[in-house]
Amino acid sequence: MINQYFVQKEEQGHIARRAFCICLDLYTPFTLVLFTISRISKQRKISGSGHELGKSLKIRNSSTITFVLSATMAALVTVSTYVVQIPVPATSGYINIGDIMVFTSALVFGPLVGGIAGGLGSSLADMLGGYWAFVPITFVVKGIEGLISGFLSNGRNVNRDALAVLAGGIVMISGYFLAETYLLGYGAAAFLEVPGNIIQVTVGGLVGIPASYAIRKLVHSFNIGRS
């Protein structure tokens, strides 16, 4: 009885430490990207003289912003995908909430950042979770999901956001279904994961679209375009 008590306390401590690390992982990238963007914005104001110089700085700063945003959003996709993993024994896969950040990345920052964040961030979560067979599949499927969603969204209209989420969701659901059926050889068992993936996309859209709307206001204050 005493041993069971200490085991339970140890498990609770492990959960608390994990939650703290997740919060830290979420806070650090946001802090980094906001700091970097603010520095770049100041540089743009200071270096406003000279057309050619301003043009070259704009190109360099644009590349820097895209790199920082892609890395940051990929990290957030990894954390959100890894923190909740509901196993699907029939396909050895899992359901997660990572689509929230995949859609947010794509709707706010465009197809390039959305594709990188979706593919790289999600496949890294597969590695951390031990789902090695899904890593290359996830990299392609989630990458295309983010790319398509970012391409269809114009960054202004909610209806376009909904269309982007719908298209990205279709890519994700059909992509995993085909991969599990033909590449991984699960056959008809792949159908068992479809309802979970539909719920995953639905949650991703219901949370991702409002989150994107809120984040856009902050992004526009820094004059950051979509990539």
Protein backbone atom coordinates (compact mmCIF):
# COMPACT_ATOMS: atom_id res chain seq x y z
CA MET A 1 0.00 0.00 0.00
CA ILE A 2 2.83 2.37 0.90
CA ASN A 3 4.75 1.42 -2.24
CA GLN A 4 1.67 2.09 -4.36
CA TYR A 5 1.35 5.52 -2.75
CA PHE A 6 4.93 6.47 -3.60
CA VAL A 7 4.56 5.14 -7.14
CA GLN A 8 1.47 7.29 -7.61
CA LYS A 9 3.28 10.35 -6.24
CA GLU A 10 6.21 9.72 -8.57
CA GLU A 11 3.88 9.51 -11.57
CA GLN A 12 2.20 12.77 -10.56
CA GLY A 13 5.59 14.42 -10.24
CA HIS A 14 6.56 13.17 -13.70
CA ILE A 15 3.35 14.61 -15.18
CA ALA A 16 3.98 17.94 -13.46
CA ARG A 17 7.55 18.11 -14.76
CA ARG A 18 6.38 17.25 -18.27
CA ALA A 19 3.69 19.94 -18.15
CA PHE A 20 6.28 22.49 -17.00
CA CYS A 21 8.62 21.54 -19.85
CA ILE A 22 5.78 21.84 -22.36
CA CYS A 23 4.86 25.30 -21.07
CA LEU A 24 8.53 26.30 -21.31
CA ASP A 25 8.74 24.93 -24.85
CA LEU A 26 5.70 26.99 -25.82
CA TYR A 27 6.88 30.19 -24.14
CA THR A 28 10.47 30.18 -25.41
CA PRO A 29 9.74 30.09 -29.19
CA PHE A 30 7.11 32.83 -28.92
CA THR A 31 9.54 35.00 -26.95
CA LEU A 32 12.29 34.36 -29.49
CA VAL A 33 10.18 35.18 -32.52
CA LEU A 34 8.72 38.36 -31.01
CA PHE A 35 12.18 39.56 -29.98
CA THR A 36 13.62 38.85 -33.42
CA ILE A 37 10.73 40.52 -35.22
CA SER A 38 10.97 43.62 -33.05
CA ARG A 39 14.70 43.90 -33.75
CA ILE A 40 14.14 43.55 -37.49
CA SER A 41 11.37 46.14 -37.41
CA LYS A 42 13.71 48.61 -35.69
CA GLN A 43 16.40 47.93 -38.29
CA ARG A 44 13.93 48.72 -41.06
CA LYS A 45 13.08 52.07 -39.49
CA ILE A 46 16.74 52.97 -38.93
CA SER A 47 17.87 51.97 -42.42
CA GLY A 48 15.17 53.82 -44.35
CA SER A 49 17.62 55.90 -46.46
CA GLY A 50 18.70 54.76 -49.88
CA HIS A 51 16.45 52.75 -52.20
CA GLU A 52 18.91 49.97 -53.01
CA LEU A 53 20.08 49.58 -49.43
CA GLY A 54 16.52 49.46 -48.20
CA LYS A 55 15.61 46.92 -50.85
CA SER A 56 18.51 44.59 -49.95
CA LEU A 57 17.72 44.85 -46.24
CA LYS A 58 14.08 44.07 -46.94
CA ILE A 59 15.02 40.90 -48.83
CA ARG A 60 17.46 39.81 -46.12
CA ASN A 61 15.03 40.59 -43.31
CA SER A 62 12.21 38.80 -45.13
CA SER A 63 14.33 35.64 -45.35
CA THR A 64 15.29 35.94 -41.70
CA ILE A 65 11.68 36.34 -40.63
CA THR A 66 10.59 33.34 -42.70
CA PHE A 67 13.34 31.19 -41.20
CA VAL A 68 12.54 32.24 -37.63
CA LEU A 69 8.80 31.81 -38.09
CA SER A 70 9.22 28.39 -39.73
CA ALA A 71 11.45 27.14 -36.91
CA THR A 72 9.18 28.57 -34.23
CA MET A 73 5.96 27.21 -35.67
CA ALA A 74 7.56 23.82 -36.33
CA ALA A 75 8.52 23.66 -32.64
CA LEU A 76 4.97 24.54 -31.61
CA VAL A 77 3.55 21.90 -33.96
CA THR A 78 5.90 19.33 -32.42
CA VAL A 79 4.83 20.19 -28.87
CA SER A 80 1.10 20.27 -29.64
CA THR A 81 1.33 16.96 -31.52
CA TYR A 82 3.38 15.24 -28.84
CA VAL A 83 1.51 16.43 -25.73
CA VAL A 84 -1.72 14.54 -26.57
CA GLN A 85 -1.37 11.19 -28.32
CA ILE A 86 -4.33 8.81 -28.40
CA PRO A 87 -3.13 5.46 -29.81
CA VAL A 88 -5.05 3.66 -32.57
CA PRO A 89 -4.03 -0.01 -32.14
CA ALA A 90 -5.49 -1.09 -35.49
CA THR A 91 -2.96 1.00 -37.45
CA SER A 92 -0.25 1.57 -34.79
CA GLY A 93 -0.86 5.29 -35.26
CA TYR A 94 -2.37 7.94 -32.99
CA ILE A 95 -4.78 10.86 -32.84
CA ASN A 96 -3.45 14.25 -31.69
CA ILE A 97 -4.19 17.97 -31.54
CA GLY A 98 -1.25 19.06 -33.68
CA ASP A 99 -3.50 20.21 -36.53
CA ILE A 100 -4.39 23.25 -34.43
CA MET A 101 -0.88 24.61 -34.87
CA VAL A 102 -0.51 23.30 -38.45
CA PHE A 103 -3.59 25.27 -39.51
CA THR A 104 -2.59 28.29 -37.45
CA SER A 105 0.86 28.34 -39.08
CA ALA A 106 -0.62 28.08 -42.57
CA LEU A 107 -3.51 30.52 -42.14
CA VAL A 108 -1.41 33.23 -40.51
CA PHE A 109 1.97 32.93 -42.25
CA GLY A 110 1.16 31.31 -45.60
CA PRO A 111 2.04 28.14 -47.52
CA LEU A 112 5.82 28.15 -47.04
CA VAL A 113 5.79 28.45 -43.25
CA GLY A 114 2.70 26.23 -43.04
CA GLY A 115 4.30 23.50 -45.12
CA ILE A 116 7.60 23.52 -43.22
CA ALA A 117 5.92 23.68 -39.81
CA GLY A 118 3.43 20.94 -40.72
CA GLY A 119 5.91 18.52 -42.24
CA LEU A 120 8.94 19.06 -40.03
CA GLY A 121 7.12 19.65 -36.75
CA SER A 122 4.73 16.72 -37.06
CA SER A 123 7.36 14.22 -38.21
CA LEU A 124 9.60 15.23 -35.30
CA ALA A 125 6.72 14.45 -32.92
CA ASP A 126 6.48 10.99 -34.54
CA MET A 127 10.18 10.47 -33.82
CA LEU A 128 9.84 11.54 -30.20
CA GLY A 129 6.81 9.30 -29.74
CA GLY A 130 8.50 6.28 -31.29
CA TYR A 131 6.22 6.10 -34.36
CA TRP A 132 9.12 5.63 -36.74
CA ALA A 133 7.13 3.98 -39.55
CA PHE A 134 5.03 7.13 -39.86
CA VAL A 135 7.88 9.66 -39.95
CA PRO A 136 8.32 9.89 -43.77
CA ILE A 137 4.56 9.61 -44.32
CA THR A 138 3.87 12.38 -41.85
CA PHE A 139 6.57 14.60 -43.33
CA VAL A 140 4.91 14.42 -46.76
CA VAL A 141 1.23 14.39 -45.75
CA LYS A 142 1.44 17.08 -43.07
CA GLY A 143 3.74 19.17 -45.24
CA ILE A 144 1.24 19.14 -48.10
CA GLU A 145 -1.58 19.82 -45.63
CA GLY A 146 0.13 22.98 -44.40
CA LEU A 147 1.12 24.01 -47.93
CA ILE A 148 -2.39 23.64 -49.37
CA SER A 149 -4.05 25.32 -46.38
CA GLY A 150 -1.68 28.28 -46.58
CA PHE A 151 -2.12 28.59 -50.33
CA LEU A 152 -5.93 28.63 -50.22
CA SER A 153 -6.15 31.08 -47.32
CA ASN A 154 -5.73 34.75 -48.20
CA GLY A 155 -5.05 35.82 -44.63
CA ARG A 156 -8.15 38.05 -44.48
CA ASN A 157 -11.38 36.14 -45.06
CA VAL A 158 -12.85 33.58 -42.63
CA ASN A 159 -14.64 31.75 -45.46
CA ARG A 160 -11.31 31.27 -47.21
CA ASP A 161 -9.85 30.03 -43.93
CA ALA A 162 -12.66 27.46 -43.66
CA LEU A 163 -12.06 26.36 -47.25
CA ALA A 164 -8.33 26.07 -46.53
CA VAL A 165 -8.95 23.92 -43.45
CA LEU A 166 -11.37 21.72 -45.37
CA ALA A 167 -8.90 21.16 -48.20
CA GLY A 168 -6.00 20.57 -45.81
CA GLY A 169 -8.13 18.17 -43.79
CA ILE A 170 -9.02 16.16 -46.90
CA VAL A 171 -5.34 15.92 -47.76
CA MET A 172 -4.49 14.70 -44.26
CA ILE A 173 -7.30 12.16 -43.95
CA SER A 174 -6.91 10.71 -47.44
CA GLY A 175 -3.10 10.81 -47.27
CA TYR A 176 -2.87 8.76 -44.09
CA PHE A 177 -5.60 6.39 -45.27
CA LEU A 178 -3.81 5.62 -48.54
CA ALA A 179 -0.43 5.31 -46.82
CA GLU A 180 -1.75 2.97 -44.14
CA THR A 181 -3.65 0.89 -46.69
CA TYR A 182 -1.00 0.45 -49.36
CA LEU A 183 2.40 1.43 -47.93
CA LEU A 184 2.05 0.04 -44.40
CA GLY A 185 -0.23 -2.82 -45.45
CA TYR A 186 -3.03 -2.37 -42.89
CA GLY A 187 -5.73 -2.80 -45.53
CA ALA A 188 -9.30 -2.33 -44.31
CA ALA A 189 -8.03 -1.59 -40.78
CA ALA A 190 -7.07 1.87 -42.05
CA PHE A 191 -10.79 2.75 -42.05
CA LEU A 192 -10.75 2.59 -38.23
CA GLU A 193 -8.51 5.65 -38.04
CA VAL A 194 -10.63 7.80 -40.38
CA PRO A 195 -13.24 8.90 -37.76
CA GLY A 196 -10.46 9.93 -35.37
CA ASN A 197 -8.72 11.90 -38.11
CA ILE A 198 -11.99 13.65 -38.97
CA ILE A 199 -12.35 14.70 -35.32
CA GLN A 200 -8.70 15.80 -35.30
CA VAL A 201 -9.20 18.04 -38.33
CA THR A 202 -12.46 19.42 -36.95
CA VAL A 203 -10.82 20.37 -33.65
CA GLY A 204 -7.87 21.82 -35.55
CA GLY A 205 -10.17 24.06 -37.57
CA LEU A 206 -12.46 25.09 -34.71
CA VAL A 207 -9.48 26.22 -32.64
CA GLY A 208 -7.04 27.15 -35.41
CA ILE A 209 -9.29 29.60 -37.28
CA PRO A 210 -10.14 31.82 -34.26
CA ALA A 211 -6.52 31.60 -33.07
CA SER A 212 -5.31 32.69 -36.50
CA TYR A 213 -7.69 35.65 -36.50
CA ALA A 214 -6.31 36.82 -33.15
CA ILE A 215 -2.65 36.29 -34.08
CA ARG A 216 -3.04 38.19 -37.36
CA LYS A 217 -3.68 41.41 -35.45
CA LEU A 218 -0.32 41.02 -33.71
CA VAL A 219 1.43 40.04 -36.93
CA HIS A 220 0.05 43.02 -38.86
CA SER A 221 1.37 45.39 -36.20
CA PHE A 222 4.86 44.20 -37.14
CA ASN A 223 4.20 44.51 -40.91
CA ILE A 224 4.95 40.84 -41.50
CA GLY A 225 3.71 39.38 -44.78
CA ARG A 226 2.73 35.82 -45.60
CA SER A 227 5.40 33.51 -47.03
